[in-house]
PDB file of N, CA and C in Angstrom:
ATOM      1  N   MET A   1      20.885 116.446 -42.417  1.00  0.00           N
ATOM      2  CA  MET A   1      22.142 117.097 -42.661  1.00  0.00           C
ATOM      3  C   MET A   1      23.264 116.205 -42.110  1.00  0.00           C
ATOM      4  N   THR A   2      24.284 116.043 -42.905  1.00  0.00           N
ATOM      5  CA  THR A   2      25.409 115.214 -42.478  1.00  0.00           C
ATOM      6  C   THR A   2      26.518 116.086 -41.902  1.00  0.00           C
ATOM      7  N   ASN A   3      27.223 115.498 -40.981  1.00  0.00           N
ATOM      8  CA  ASN A   3      28.368 116.208 -40.409  1.00  0.00           C
ATOM      9  C   ASN A   3      29.572 116.049 -41.317  1.00  0.00           C
ATOM     10  N   GLN A   4      30.225 117.125 -41.593  1.00  0.00           N
ATOM     11  CA  GLN A   4      31.436 117.065 -42.395  1.00  0.00           C
ATOM     12  C   GLN A   4      32.636 117.086 -41.460  1.00  0.00           C
ATOM     13  N   SER A   5      33.523 116.163 -41.669  1.00  0.00           N
ATOM     14  CA  SER A   5      34.717 116.156 -40.838  1.00  0.00           C
ATOM     15  C   SER A   5      35.717 117.147 -41.415  1.00  0.00           C
ATOM     16  N   LYS A   6      36.416 117.782 -40.533  1.00  0.00           N
ATOM     17  CA  LYS A   6      37.401 118.759 -40.951  1.00  0.00           C
ATOM     18  C   LYS A   6      38.694 118.479 -40.202  1.00  0.00           C
ATOM     19  N   TYR A   7      39.775 118.424 -40.950  1.00  0.00           N
ATOM     20  CA  TYR A   7      41.076 118.164 -40.341  1.00  0.00           C
ATOM     21  C   TYR A   7      41.965 119.387 -40.555  1.00  0.00           C
ATOM     22  N   THR A   8      42.536 119.844 -39.491  1.00  0.00           N
ATOM     23  CA  THR A   8      43.516 120.915 -39.565  1.00  0.00           C
ATOM     24  C   THR A   8      44.811 120.367 -38.994  1.00  0.00           C
ATOM     25  N   GLY A   9      45.800 120.221 -39.850  1.00  0.00           N
ATOM     26  CA  GLY A   9      47.068 119.634 -39.430  1.00  0.00           C
ATOM     27  C   GLY A   9      47.886 120.586 -38.578  1.00  0.00           C
ATOM     28  N   SER A  10      48.581 120.026 -37.637  1.00  0.00           N
ATOM     29  CA  SER A  10      49.494 120.789 -36.797  1.00  0.00           C
ATOM     30  C   SER A  10      50.910 120.523 -37.283  1.00  0.00           C
ATOM     31  N   TYR A  11      51.536 121.526 -37.902  1.00  0.00           N
ATOM     32  CA  TYR A  11      52.881 121.343 -38.419  1.00  0.00           C
ATOM     33  C   TYR A  11      53.862 121.018 -37.306  1.00  0.00           C
ATOM     34  N   ARG A  12      53.683 121.598 -36.161  1.00  0.00           N
ATOM     35  CA  ARG A  12      54.567 121.313 -35.030  1.00  0.00           C
ATOM     36  C   ARG A  12      54.410 119.853 -34.587  1.00  0.00           C
ATOM     37  N   GLY A  13      53.196 119.371 -34.541  1.00  0.00           N
ATOM     38  CA  GLY A  13      52.952 117.979 -34.144  1.00  0.00           C
ATOM     39  C   GLY A  13      53.475 116.989 -35.167  1.00  0.00           C
ATOM     40  N   ILE A  14      53.273 117.290 -36.457  1.00  0.00           N
ATOM     41  CA  ILE A  14      53.771 116.405 -37.508  1.00  0.00           C
ATOM     42  C   ILE A  14      55.295 116.398 -37.502  1.00  0.00           C
ATOM     43  N   GLY A  15      55.909 117.563 -37.329  1.00  0.00           N
ATOM     44  CA  GLY A  15      57.369 117.634 -37.259  1.00  0.00           C
ATOM     45  C   GLY A  15      57.915 116.878 -36.066  1.00  0.00           C
ATOM     46  N   SER A  16      57.220 116.965 -34.940  1.00  0.00           N
ATOM     47  CA  SER A  16      57.631 116.228 -33.745  1.00  0.00           C
ATOM     48  C   SER A  16      57.539 114.721 -33.987  1.00  0.00           C
ATOM     49  N   MET A  17      56.491 114.294 -34.675  1.00  0.00           N
ATOM     50  CA  MET A  17      56.331 112.882 -34.980  1.00  0.00           C
ATOM     51  C   MET A  17      57.451 112.397 -35.910  1.00  0.00           C
ATOM     52  N   LEU A  18      57.823 113.217 -36.892  1.00  0.00           N
ATOM     53  CA  LEU A  18      58.847 112.811 -37.850  1.00  0.00           C
ATOM     54  C   LEU A  18      60.247 112.752 -37.237  1.00  0.00           C
ATOM     55  N   ARG A  19      60.435 113.338 -36.065  1.00  0.00           N
ATOM     56  CA  ARG A  19      61.732 113.272 -35.390  1.00  0.00           C
ATOM     57  C   ARG A  19      61.825 112.125 -34.410  1.00  0.00           C
ATOM     58  N   ARG A  20      60.791 111.385 -34.215  1.00  0.00           N
ATOM     59  CA  ARG A  20      60.779 110.298 -33.236  1.00  0.00           C
ATOM     60  C   ARG A  20      61.702 109.155 -33.660  1.00  0.00           C
ATOM     61  N   PRO A  21      62.311 108.474 -32.687  1.00  0.00           N
ATOM     62  CA  PRO A  21      63.229 107.378 -33.012  1.00  0.00           C
ATOM     63  C   PRO A  21      62.558 106.192 -33.707  1.00  0.00           C
ATOM     64  N   TRP A  22      61.280 105.958 -33.452  1.00  0.00           N
ATOM     65  CA  TRP A  22      60.623 104.813 -34.070  1.00  0.00           C
ATOM     66  C   TRP A  22      60.496 104.972 -35.578  1.00  0.00           C
ATOM     67  N   LEU A  23      60.650 106.171 -36.096  1.00  0.00           N
ATOM     68  CA  LEU A  23      60.568 106.369 -37.541  1.00  0.00           C
ATOM     69  C   LEU A  23      61.854 105.909 -38.232  1.00  0.00           C
ATOM     70  N   MET A  24      62.935 105.748 -37.458  1.00  0.00           N
ATOM     71  CA  MET A  24      64.195 105.283 -38.029  1.00  0.00           C
ATOM     72  C   MET A  24      64.082 103.824 -38.483  1.00  0.00           C
ATOM     73  N   LYS A  25      63.280 103.016 -37.810  1.00  0.00           N
ATOM     74  CA  LYS A  25      63.189 101.585 -38.129  1.00  0.00           C
ATOM     75  C   LYS A  25      62.672 101.318 -39.539  1.00  0.00           C
ATOM     76  N   PRO A  26      61.580 101.938 -40.005  1.00  0.00           N
ATOM     77  CA  PRO A  26      61.151 101.670 -41.388  1.00  0.00           C
ATOM     78  C   PRO A  26      62.186 102.119 -42.419  1.00  0.00           C
ATOM     79  N   CYS A  27      62.892 103.209 -42.132  1.00  0.00           N
ATOM     80  CA  CYS A  27      63.939 103.668 -43.050  1.00  0.00           C
ATOM     81  C   CYS A  27      65.066 102.655 -43.106  1.00  0.00           C
ATOM     82  N   ARG A  28      65.464 102.156 -41.947  1.00  0.00           N
ATOM     83  CA  ARG A  28      66.542 101.156 -41.898  1.00  0.00           C
ATOM     84  C   ARG A  28      66.103  99.853 -42.566  1.00  0.00           C
ATOM     85  N   ASP A  29      64.851  99.456 -42.341  1.00  0.00           N
ATOM     86  CA  ASP A  29      64.354  98.224 -42.972  1.00  0.00           C
ATOM     87  C   ASP A  29      64.402  98.322 -44.500  1.00  0.00           C
ATOM     88  N   ALA A  30      64.041  99.485 -45.041  1.00  0.00           N
ATOM     89  CA  ALA A  30      64.089  99.675 -46.493  1.00  0.00           C
ATOM     90  C   ALA A  30      65.529  99.619 -46.997  1.00  0.00           C
ATOM     91  N   ALA A  31      66.454 100.222 -46.253  1.00  0.00           N
ATOM     92  CA  ALA A  31      67.862 100.205 -46.664  1.00  0.00           C
ATOM     93  C   ALA A  31      68.445  98.795 -46.573  1.00  0.00           C
ATOM     94  N   VAL A  32      68.059  98.029 -45.564  1.00  0.00           N
ATOM     95  CA  VAL A  32      68.545  96.647 -45.435  1.00  0.00           C
ATOM     96  C   VAL A  32      67.988  95.787 -46.575  1.00  0.00           C
ATOM     97  N   ARG A  33      66.742  96.020 -46.954  1.00  0.00           N
ATOM     98  CA  ARG A  33      66.157  95.298 -48.085  1.00  0.00           C
ATOM     99  C   ARG A  33      66.919  95.635 -49.375  1.00  0.00           C
ATOM    100  N   MET A  34      67.284  96.900 -49.533  1.00  0.00           N
ATOM    101  CA  MET A  34      68.052  97.317 -50.701  1.00  0.00           C
ATOM    102  C   MET A  34      69.477  96.749 -50.654  1.00  0.00           C
ATOM    103  N   LYS A  35      70.025  96.581 -49.465  1.00  0.00           N
ATOM    104  CA  LYS A  35      71.362  95.985 -49.336  1.00  0.00           C
ATOM    105  C   LYS A  35      71.349  94.548 -49.859  1.00  0.00           C
ATOM    106  N   GLY A  36      70.299  93.805 -49.557  1.00  0.00           N
ATOM    107  CA  GLY A  36      70.176  92.443 -50.070  1.00  0.00           C
ATOM    108  C   GLY A  36      70.118  92.407 -51.587  1.00  0.00           C
ATOM    109  N   ILE A  37      69.398  93.360 -52.179  1.00  0.00           N
ATOM    110  CA  ILE A  37      69.324  93.438 -53.644  1.00  0.00           C
ATOM    111  C   ILE A  37      70.703  93.755 -54.205  1.00  0.00           C
ATOM    112  N   ALA A  38      71.401  94.716 -53.596  1.00  0.00           N
ATOM    113  CA  ALA A  38      72.724  95.119 -54.084  1.00  0.00           C
ATOM    114  C   ALA A  38      73.731  93.979 -53.968  1.00  0.00           C
ATOM    115  N   GLU A  39      73.655  93.226 -52.882  1.00  0.00           N
ATOM    116  CA  GLU A  39      74.576  92.096 -52.725  1.00  0.00           C
ATOM    117  C   GLU A  39      74.316  91.013 -53.766  1.00  0.00           C
ATOM    118  N   SER A  40      73.066  90.862 -54.161  1.00  0.00           N
ATOM    119  CA  SER A  40      72.753  89.819 -55.140  1.00  0.00           C
ATOM    120  C   SER A  40      73.243  90.171 -56.544  1.00  0.00           C
ATOM    121  N   ILE A  41      73.378  91.473 -56.868  1.00  0.00           N
ATOM    122  CA  ILE A  41      73.817  91.856 -58.212  1.00  0.00           C
ATOM    123  C   ILE A  41      75.245  92.400 -58.234  1.00  0.00           C
ATOM    124  N   ALA A  42      75.910  92.451 -57.088  1.00  0.00           N
ATOM    125  CA  ALA A  42      77.279  92.976 -57.035  1.00  0.00           C
ATOM    126  C   ALA A  42      78.242  92.026 -57.742  1.00  0.00           C
ATOM    127  N   PRO A  43      79.173  92.597 -58.516  1.00  0.00           N
ATOM    128  CA  PRO A  43      80.145  91.743 -59.206  1.00  0.00           C
ATOM    129  C   PRO A  43      81.187  91.190 -58.237  1.00  0.00           C
ATOM    130  N   VAL A  44      81.591  89.958 -58.479  1.00  0.00           N
ATOM    131  CA  VAL A  44      82.663  89.321 -57.708  1.00  0.00           C
ATOM    132  C   VAL A  44      83.723  88.908 -58.716  1.00  0.00           C
ATOM    133  N   GLY A  45      84.938  89.398 -58.505  1.00  0.00           N
ATOM    134  CA  GLY A  45      86.007  89.133 -59.467  1.00  0.00           C
ATOM    135  C   GLY A  45      86.511  87.700 -59.421  1.00  0.00           C
ATOM    136  N   ASN A  46      87.185  87.331 -60.462  1.00  0.00           N
ATOM    137  CA  ASN A  46      87.810  86.019 -60.560  1.00  0.00           C
ATOM    138  C   ASN A  46      89.044  86.015 -59.648  1.00  0.00           C
ATOM    139  N   PRO A  47      89.158  85.089 -58.695  1.00  0.00           N
ATOM    140  CA  PRO A  47      90.307  85.088 -57.787  1.00  0.00           C
ATOM    141  C   PRO A  47      91.656  84.960 -58.486  1.00  0.00           C
ATOM    142  N   ALA A  48      91.683  84.370 -59.663  1.00  0.00           N
ATOM    143  CA  ALA A  48      92.946  84.236 -60.392  1.00  0.00           C
ATOM    144  C   ALA A  48      93.426  85.586 -60.929  1.00  0.00           C
ATOM    145  N   GLU A  49      92.498  86.493 -61.220  1.00  0.00           N
ATOM    146  CA  GLU A  49      92.854  87.784 -61.808  1.00  0.00           C
ATOM    147  C   GLU A  49      92.681  88.952 -60.841  1.00  0.00           C
ATOM    148  N   ASP A  50      91.767  88.844 -59.914  1.00  0.00           N
ATOM    149  CA  ASP A  50      91.428  89.947 -59.010  1.00  0.00           C
ATOM    150  C   ASP A  50      92.151  89.775 -57.678  1.00  0.00           C
ATOM    151  N   ARG A  51      92.781  90.850 -57.202  1.00  0.00           N
ATOM    152  CA  ARG A  51      93.488  90.768 -55.923  1.00  0.00           C
ATOM    153  C   ARG A  51      92.524  90.726 -54.745  1.00  0.00           C
ATOM    154  N   HIS A  52      91.343  91.312 -54.909  1.00  0.00           N
ATOM    155  CA  HIS A  52      90.364  91.385 -53.814  1.00  0.00           C
ATOM    156  C   HIS A  52      88.990  90.928 -54.304  1.00  0.00           C
ATOM    157  N   PRO A  53      88.816  89.654 -54.605  1.00  0.00           N
ATOM    158  CA  PRO A  53      87.499  89.211 -55.084  1.00  0.00           C
ATOM    159  C   PRO A  53      86.462  89.292 -53.969  1.00  0.00           C
ATOM    160  N   GLY A  54      85.335  89.879 -54.279  1.00  0.00           N
ATOM    161  CA  GLY A  54      84.249  89.970 -53.309  1.00  0.00           C
ATOM    162  C   GLY A  54      84.351  91.146 -52.353  1.00  0.00           C
ATOM    163  N   LEU A  55      85.364  91.996 -52.501  1.00  0.00           N
ATOM    164  CA  LEU A  55      85.520  93.134 -51.590  1.00  0.00           C
ATOM    165  C   LEU A  55      84.385  94.139 -51.766  1.00  0.00           C
ATOM    166  N   TYR A  56      83.991  94.393 -53.007  1.00  0.00           N
ATOM    167  CA  TYR A  56      82.890  95.339 -53.249  1.00  0.00           C
ATOM    168  C   TYR A  56      81.602  94.847 -52.586  1.00  0.00           C
ATOM    169  N   LYS A  57      81.322  93.582 -52.751  1.00  0.00           N
ATOM    170  CA  LYS A  57      80.102  92.991 -52.185  1.00  0.00           C
ATOM    171  C   LYS A  57      80.130  93.029 -50.658  1.00  0.00           C
ATOM    172  N   ALA A  58      81.301  92.769 -50.058  1.00  0.00           N
ATOM    173  CA  ALA A  58      81.425  92.750 -48.602  1.00  0.00           C
ATOM    174  C   ALA A  58      81.449  94.147 -47.996  1.00  0.00           C
ATOM    175  N   SER A  59      81.665  95.179 -48.816  1.00  0.00           N
ATOM    176  CA  SER A  59      81.786  96.540 -48.300  1.00  0.00           C
ATOM    177  C   SER A  59      80.470  97.307 -48.283  1.00  0.00           C
ATOM    178  N   LEU A  60      79.373  96.688 -48.640  1.00  0.00           N
ATOM    179  CA  LEU A  60      78.067  97.358 -48.566  1.00  0.00           C
ATOM    180  C   LEU A  60      77.657  97.494 -47.108  1.00  0.00           C
ATOM    181  N   ASP A  61      77.148  98.659 -46.739  1.00  0.00           N
ATOM    182  CA  ASP A  61      76.795  98.919 -45.344  1.00  0.00           C
ATOM    183  C   ASP A  61      75.598  99.857 -45.279  1.00  0.00           C
ATOM    184  N   VAL A  62      74.813  99.727 -44.224  1.00  0.00           N
ATOM    185  CA  VAL A  62      73.663 100.598 -43.985  1.00  0.00           C
ATOM    186  C   VAL A  62      73.985 101.481 -42.784  1.00  0.00           C
ATOM    187  N   LEU A  63      73.872 102.795 -42.966  1.00  0.00           N
ATOM    188  CA  LEU A  63      74.161 103.750 -41.899  1.00  0.00           C
ATOM    189  C   LEU A  63      72.922 104.579 -41.578  1.00  0.00           C
ATOM    190  N   PRO A  64      72.650 104.816 -40.297  1.00  0.00           N
ATOM    191  CA  PRO A  64      71.571 105.735 -39.946  1.00  0.00           C
ATOM    192  C   PRO A  64      72.042 107.171 -40.170  1.00  0.00           C
ATOM    193  N   ILE A  65      71.151 108.011 -40.649  1.00  0.00           N
ATOM    194  CA  ILE A  65      71.489 109.415 -40.871  1.00  0.00           C
ATOM    195  C   ILE A  65      70.379 110.307 -40.344  1.00  0.00           C
ATOM    196  N   TYR A  66      70.726 111.523 -40.067  1.00  0.00           N
ATOM    197  CA  TYR A  66      69.760 112.588 -39.816  1.00  0.00           C
ATOM    198  C   TYR A  66      70.027 113.656 -40.851  1.00  0.00           C
ATOM    199  N   LYS A  67      69.036 113.961 -41.649  1.00  0.00           N
ATOM    200  CA  LYS A  67      69.197 114.889 -42.756  1.00  0.00           C
ATOM    201  C   LYS A  67      68.451 116.175 -42.469  1.00  0.00           C
ATOM    202  N   ASP A  68      69.082 117.286 -42.803  1.00  0.00           N
ATOM    203  CA  ASP A  68      68.426 118.581 -42.663  1.00  0.00           C
ATOM    204  C   ASP A  68      67.436 118.779 -43.807  1.00  0.00           C
ATOM    205  N   VAL A  69      66.168 118.903 -43.470  1.00  0.00           N
ATOM    206  CA  VAL A  69      65.129 119.170 -44.452  1.00  0.00           C
ATOM    207  C   VAL A  69      64.572 120.549 -44.131  1.00  0.00           C
ATOM    208  N   ARG A  70      64.601 121.441 -45.101  1.00  0.00           N
ATOM    209  CA  ARG A  70      64.123 122.799 -44.857  1.00  0.00           C
ATOM    210  C   ARG A  70      62.605 122.867 -45.017  1.00  0.00           C
ATOM    211  N   PHE A  71      61.965 123.506 -44.059  1.00  0.00           N
ATOM    212  CA  PHE A  71      60.523 123.755 -44.106  1.00  0.00           C
ATOM    213  C   PHE A  71      60.299 125.178 -43.643  1.00  0.00           C
ATOM    214  N   ARG A  72      59.704 125.966 -44.510  1.00  0.00           N
ATOM    215  CA  ARG A  72      59.475 127.388 -44.240  1.00  0.00           C
ATOM    216  C   ARG A  72      60.771 128.101 -43.877  1.00  0.00           C
ATOM    217  N   GLY A  73      61.845 127.741 -44.588  1.00  0.00           N
ATOM    218  CA  GLY A  73      63.116 128.422 -44.425  1.00  0.00           C
ATOM    219  C   GLY A  73      63.964 127.975 -43.256  1.00  0.00           C
ATOM    220  N   ARG A  74      63.459 127.070 -42.432  1.00  0.00           N
ATOM    221  CA  ARG A  74      64.225 126.617 -41.268  1.00  0.00           C
ATOM    222  C   ARG A  74      64.592 125.149 -41.426  1.00  0.00           C
ATOM    223  N   PRO A  75      65.814 124.758 -41.040  1.00  0.00           N
ATOM    224  CA  PRO A  75      66.201 123.351 -41.159  1.00  0.00           C
ATOM    225  C   PRO A  75      65.597 122.512 -40.036  1.00  0.00           C
ATOM    226  N   HIS A  76      65.194 121.309 -40.395  1.00  0.00           N
ATOM    227  CA  HIS A  76      64.643 120.354 -39.432  1.00  0.00           C
ATOM    228  C   HIS A  76      65.310 119.005 -39.678  1.00  0.00           C
ATOM    229  N   ASN A  77      65.808 118.374 -38.627  1.00  0.00           N
ATOM    230  CA  ASN A  77      66.443 117.061 -38.758  1.00  0.00           C
ATOM    231  C   ASN A  77      65.388 115.982 -38.915  1.00  0.00           C
ATOM    232  N   ARG A  78      65.572 115.145 -39.929  1.00  0.00           N
ATOM    233  CA  ARG A  78      64.675 114.021 -40.162  1.00  0.00           C
ATOM    234  C   ARG A  78      65.504 112.743 -40.207  1.00  0.00           C
ATOM    235  N   PRO A  79      65.045 111.671 -39.562  1.00  0.00           N
ATOM    236  CA  PRO A  79      65.811 110.420 -39.579  1.00  0.00           C
ATOM    237  C   PRO A  79      65.697 109.709 -40.919  1.00  0.00           C
ATOM    238  N   GLY A  80      66.702 108.917 -41.209  1.00  0.00           N
ATOM    239  CA  GLY A  80      66.720 108.146 -42.440  1.00  0.00           C
ATOM    240  C   GLY A  80      67.802 107.089 -42.361  1.00  0.00           C
ATOM    241  N   ALA A  81      68.074 106.457 -43.468  1.00  0.00           N
ATOM    242  CA  ALA A  81      69.135 105.461 -43.549  1.00  0.00           C
ATOM    243  C   ALA A  81      69.769 105.568 -44.923  1.00  0.00           C
ATOM    244  N   ARG A  82      71.038 105.231 -45.001  1.00  0.00           N
ATOM    245  CA  ARG A  82      71.782 105.345 -46.254  1.00  0.00           C
ATOM    246  C   ARG A  82      72.522 104.039 -46.520  1.00  0.00           C
ATOM    247  N   LEU A  83      72.407 103.559 -47.745  1.00  0.00           N
ATOM    248  CA  LEU A  83      73.156 102.387 -48.198  1.00  0.00           C
ATOM    249  C   LEU A  83      74.417 102.899 -48.886  1.00  0.00           C
ATOM    250  N   ILE A  84      75.577 102.522 -48.353  1.00  0.00           N
ATOM    251  CA  ILE A  84      76.839 102.996 -48.923  1.00  0.00           C
ATOM    252  C   ILE A  84      77.752 101.814 -49.195  1.00  0.00           C
ATOM    253  N   ASN A  85      78.775 102.069 -49.975  1.00  0.00           N
ATOM    254  CA  ASN A  85      79.822 101.081 -50.208  1.00  0.00           C
ATOM    255  C   ASN A  85      81.144 101.733 -49.852  1.00  0.00           C
ATOM    256  N   THR A  86      81.887 101.107 -48.954  1.00  0.00           N
ATOM    257  CA  THR A  86      83.133 101.684 -48.454  1.00  0.00           C
ATOM    258  C   THR A  86      84.367 101.115 -49.132  1.00  0.00           C
ATOM    259  N   ALA A  87      84.209 100.322 -50.166  1.00  0.00           N
ATOM    260  CA  ALA A  87      85.365  99.773 -50.881  1.00  0.00           C
ATOM    261  C   ALA A  87      86.118 100.910 -51.562  1.00  0.00           C
ATOM    262  N   PRO A  88      87.452 100.847 -51.596  1.00  0.00           N
ATOM    263  CA  PRO A  88      88.211 101.931 -52.221  1.00  0.00           C
ATOM    264  C   PRO A  88      87.956 102.068 -53.722  1.00  0.00           C
ATOM    265  N   HIS A  89      87.507 101.012 -54.363  1.00  0.00           N
ATOM    266  CA  HIS A  89      87.247 101.058 -55.801  1.00  0.00           C
ATOM    267  C   HIS A  89      85.750 101.116 -56.124  1.00  0.00           C
ATOM    268  N   ALA A  90      84.931 101.513 -55.178  1.00  0.00           N
ATOM    269  CA  ALA A  90      83.480 101.532 -55.389  1.00  0.00           C
ATOM    270  C   ALA A  90      83.084 102.485 -56.509  1.00  0.00           C
ATOM    271  N   TRP A  91      83.765 103.604 -56.614  1.00  0.00           N
ATOM    272  CA  TRP A  91      83.432 104.565 -57.669  1.00  0.00           C
ATOM    273  C   TRP A  91      83.647 103.943 -59.044  1.00  0.00           C
ATOM    274  N   ARG A  92      84.751 103.211 -59.187  1.00  0.00           N
ATOM    275  CA  ARG A  92      85.043 102.584 -60.486  1.00  0.00           C
ATOM    276  C   ARG A  92      84.009 101.519 -60.837  1.00  0.00           C
ATOM    277  N   VAL A  93      83.586 100.745 -59.846  1.00  0.00           N
ATOM    278  CA  VAL A  93      82.591  99.708 -60.107  1.00  0.00           C
ATOM    279  C   VAL A  93      81.253 100.348 -60.472  1.00  0.00           C
ATOM    280  N   GLU A  94      80.908 101.427 -59.803  1.00  0.00           N
ATOM    281  CA  GLU A  94      79.615 102.078 -60.052  1.00  0.00           C
ATOM    282  C   GLU A  94      79.590 102.798 -61.403  1.00  0.00           C
ATOM    283  N   TYR A  95      80.634 103.571 -61.702  1.00  0.00           N
ATOM    284  CA  TYR A  95      80.622 104.423 -62.899  1.00  0.00           C
ATOM    285  C   TYR A  95      81.513 103.914 -64.030  1.00  0.00           C
ATOM    286  N   GLY A  96      82.457 103.037 -63.725  1.00  0.00           N
ATOM    287  CA  GLY A  96      83.339 102.506 -64.744  1.00  0.00           C
ATOM    288  C   GLY A  96      84.452 103.480 -65.108  1.00  0.00           C
ATOM    289  N   ASP A  97      85.505 102.941 -65.671  1.00  0.00           N
ATOM    290  CA  ASP A  97      86.579 103.734 -66.258  1.00  0.00           C
ATOM    291  C   ASP A  97      87.180 102.887 -67.368  1.00  0.00           C
ATOM    292  N   GLY A  98      88.341 103.209 -67.847  1.00  0.00           N
ATOM    293  CA  GLY A  98      88.921 102.459 -68.961  1.00  0.00           C
ATOM    294  C   GLY A  98      89.226 101.012 -68.635  1.00  0.00           C
ATOM    295  N   ARG A  99      89.514 100.724 -67.366  1.00  0.00           N
ATOM    296  CA  ARG A  99      89.899  99.363 -66.982  1.00  0.00           C
ATOM    297  C   ARG A  99      88.736  98.539 -66.449  1.00  0.00           C
ATOM    298  N   VAL A 100      87.782  99.190 -65.809  1.00  0.00           N
ATOM    299  CA  VAL A 100      86.660  98.500 -65.157  1.00  0.00           C
ATOM    300  C   VAL A 100      85.369  98.886 -65.872  1.00  0.00           C
ATOM    301  N   PRO A 101      84.553  97.911 -66.284  1.00  0.00           N
ATOM    302  CA  PRO A 101      83.279  98.267 -66.918  1.00  0.00           C
ATOM    303  C   PRO A 101      82.301  98.860 -65.904  1.00  0.00           C
ATOM    304  N   ARG A 102      81.316  99.586 -66.402  1.00  0.00           N
ATOM    305  CA  ARG A 102      80.304 100.206 -65.549  1.00  0.00           C
ATOM    306  C   ARG A 102      79.279  99.150 -65.147  1.00  0.00           C
ATOM    307  N   TYR A 103      79.208  98.879 -63.835  1.00  0.00           N
ATOM    308  CA  TYR A 103      78.231  97.911 -63.337  1.00  0.00           C
ATOM    309  C   TYR A 103      76.972  98.587 -62.791  1.00  0.00           C
ATOM    310  N   ALA A 104      77.093  99.813 -62.289  1.00  0.00           N
ATOM    311  CA  ALA A 104      75.972 100.604 -61.770  1.00  0.00           C
ATOM    312  C   ALA A 104      75.128  99.801 -60.772  1.00  0.00           C
ATOM    313  N   VAL A 105      75.785  99.215 -59.795  1.00  0.00           N
ATOM    314  CA  VAL A 105      75.102  98.346 -58.831  1.00  0.00           C
ATOM    315  C   VAL A 105      74.070  99.125 -58.025  1.00  0.00           C
ATOM    316  N   LEU A 106      74.451 100.275 -57.484  1.00  0.00           N
ATOM    317  CA  LEU A 106      73.512 101.019 -56.640  1.00  0.00           C
ATOM    318  C   LEU A 106      72.355 101.592 -57.456  1.00  0.00           C
ATOM    319  N   GLN A 107      72.617 102.024 -58.691  1.00  0.00           N
ATOM    320  CA  GLN A 107      71.532 102.524 -59.536  1.00  0.00           C
ATOM    321  C   GLN A 107      70.556 101.411 -59.883  1.00  0.00           C
ATOM    322  N   ARG A 108      71.075 100.231 -60.204  1.00  0.00           N
ATOM    323  CA  ARG A 108      70.199  99.096 -60.499  1.00  0.00           C
ATOM    324  C   ARG A 108      69.441  98.650 -59.255  1.00  0.00           C
ATOM    325  N   THR A 109      70.048  98.813 -58.083  1.00  0.00           N
ATOM    326  CA  THR A 109      69.366  98.489 -56.830  1.00  0.00           C
ATOM    327  C   THR A 109      68.171  99.414 -56.611  1.00  0.00           C
ATOM    328  N   ILE A 110      68.371 100.700 -56.863  1.00  0.00           N
ATOM    329  CA  ILE A 110      67.269 101.665 -56.721  1.00  0.00           C
ATOM    330  C   ILE A 110      66.146 101.322 -57.699  1.00  0.00           C
ATOM    331  N   ASP A 111      66.500 101.006 -58.943  1.00  0.00           N
ATOM    332  CA  ASP A 111      65.484 100.642 -59.940  1.00  0.00           C
ATOM    333  C   ASP A 111      64.713  99.392 -59.507  1.00  0.00           C
ATOM    334  N   ALA A 112      65.434  98.402 -58.973  1.00  0.00           N
ATOM    335  CA  ALA A 112      64.768  97.164 -58.538  1.00  0.00           C
ATOM    336  C   ALA A 112      63.876  97.413 -57.333  1.00  0.00           C
ATOM    337  N   ALA A 113      64.311  98.278 -56.417  1.00  0.00           N
ATOM    338  CA  ALA A 113      63.509  98.565 -55.217  1.00  0.00           C
ATOM    339  C   ALA A 113      62.252  99.344 -55.577  1.00  0.00           C
ATOM    340  N   LYS A 114      62.347 100.198 -56.598  1.00  0.00           N
ATOM    341  CA  LYS A 114      61.166 100.944 -57.040  1.00  0.00           C
ATOM    342  C   LYS A 114      60.227 100.092 -57.880  1.00  0.00           C
ATOM    343  N   GLY A 115      60.728  98.957 -58.365  1.00  0.00           N
ATOM    344  CA  GLY A 115      59.899  98.090 -59.187  1.00  0.00           C
ATOM    345  C   GLY A 115      59.900  98.470 -60.642  1.00  0.00           C
ATOM    346  N   VAL A 116      60.933  99.173 -61.078  1.00  0.00           N
ATOM    347  CA  VAL A 116      61.025  99.618 -62.474  1.00  0.00           C
ATOM    348  C   VAL A 116      61.481  98.480 -63.350  1.00  0.00           C
TER     349      VAL A 116
END
């Protein structure tokens, strides 16, 4: 007769593990890797025509976050990281308007990071 292993997870223990500071590092590493991808595909304007060439590319930043994730109706803080762009015209570059074409830098970054 063979012994069967049985695992019973402890939700409290798993939740405690997910709140640990060391879990922030892999999240930040993934966001920094995505920042490199975004910088490589970010548009840089022609200095003769653009007042701020390279501002969009220079405004990419990685921020640590704690996000509320609900489990069994109660919120639990989980660490993570967010790639943002703080340029005042970031929305126009991402989504486009009549004057600026749609570049979708962050969407293409997500696709490249997923391997699509």
